[in-house]
Amino acid sequence: MTEPVTTMEAAPALGEPLPEPDPVPGCAKCARLADERERWRRMGNLTRVSDCNIWMRRHPKHEHKVL
């Protein structure tokens, strides 16, 4: 019979969070996502703020690069 595990693994090292992306001037989708991000921030929903940041970095067929 094996003994039960009584210790936890070490917490993962996550590093610094990414900075929030700036909307690209002239991109309607970036502008909409930035507005939505601020609305969620005012409502205190930081999960949705994070979602908007991810969508802004990755929106499909993006004709400009967002780092």
Protein backbone atom coordinates (compact mmCIF):
# COMPACT_ATOMS: atom_id res chain seq x y z
CA MET A 1 0.00 0.00 0.00
CA THR A 2 1.29 3.50 -0.80
CA GLU A 3 1.37 6.39 1.61
CA PRO A 4 -0.89 9.41 0.94
CA VAL A 5 0.71 12.58 -0.38
CA THR A 6 0.83 15.22 2.36
CA THR A 7 2.65 18.08 0.64
CA MET A 8 1.74 20.43 -2.19
CA GLU A 9 3.75 21.22 -5.30
CA ALA A 10 5.38 24.62 -5.55
CA ALA A 11 3.27 27.39 -7.13
CA PRO A 12 4.11 28.08 -10.79
CA ALA A 13 6.09 31.21 -11.62
CA LEU A 14 3.95 33.35 -13.91
CA GLY A 15 6.15 36.39 -14.50
CA GLU A 16 5.02 39.93 -15.25
CA PRO A 17 1.57 40.41 -16.82
CA LEU A 18 1.46 41.74 -20.38
CA PRO A 19 0.74 45.46 -20.73
CA GLU A 20 -2.70 46.38 -22.04
CA PRO A 21 -2.68 46.81 -25.82
CA ASP A 22 -3.46 50.23 -27.26
CA PRO A 23 -6.14 50.39 -29.94
CA VAL A 24 -4.64 50.85 -33.39
CA PRO A 25 -5.73 54.23 -34.81
CA GLY A 26 -8.31 53.81 -37.54
CA CYS A 27 -9.25 50.23 -36.61
CA ALA A 28 -12.97 50.10 -35.77
CA LYS A 29 -12.66 46.71 -34.07
CA CYS A 30 -9.82 47.91 -31.81
CA ALA A 31 -11.84 51.02 -30.91
CA ARG A 32 -14.91 48.93 -30.05
CA LEU A 33 -12.86 46.56 -27.92
CA ALA A 34 -11.16 49.46 -26.09
CA ASP A 35 -14.57 51.01 -25.31
CA GLU A 36 -15.92 47.67 -24.14
CA ARG A 37 -12.82 47.10 -22.01
CA GLU A 38 -13.35 50.43 -20.21
CA ARG A 39 -17.03 49.67 -19.66
CA TRP A 40 -16.16 46.34 -18.04
CA ARG A 41 -13.46 48.01 -15.95
CA ARG A 42 -16.00 50.55 -14.59
CA MET A 43 -18.31 47.64 -13.71
CA GLY A 44 -15.47 45.88 -11.88
CA ASN A 45 -15.41 42.82 -14.17
CA LEU A 46 -11.66 42.34 -14.63
CA THR A 47 -12.13 38.95 -16.30
CA ARG A 48 -13.92 40.68 -19.18
CA VAL A 49 -11.23 43.40 -19.22
CA SER A 50 -8.67 40.64 -19.73
CA ASP A 51 -10.84 39.06 -22.45
CA CYS A 52 -10.97 42.37 -24.34
CA ASN A 53 -7.19 42.66 -24.14
CA ILE A 54 -6.79 39.17 -25.58
CA TRP A 55 -9.34 39.83 -28.36
CA MET A 56 -7.60 43.11 -29.21
CA ARG A 57 -4.25 41.34 -29.53
CA ARG A 58 -5.67 38.51 -31.64
CA HIS A 59 -8.59 39.66 -33.73
CA PRO A 60 -8.57 37.55 -36.90
CA LYS A 61 -7.17 38.65 -40.24
CA HIS A 62 -5.71 41.70 -38.54
CA GLU A 63 -4.12 43.96 -41.11
CA HIS A 64 -1.85 45.54 -38.51
CA LYS A 65 0.41 44.10 -35.85
CA VAL A 66 -0.40 44.57 -32.19
CA LEU A 67 2.41 43.52 -29.87
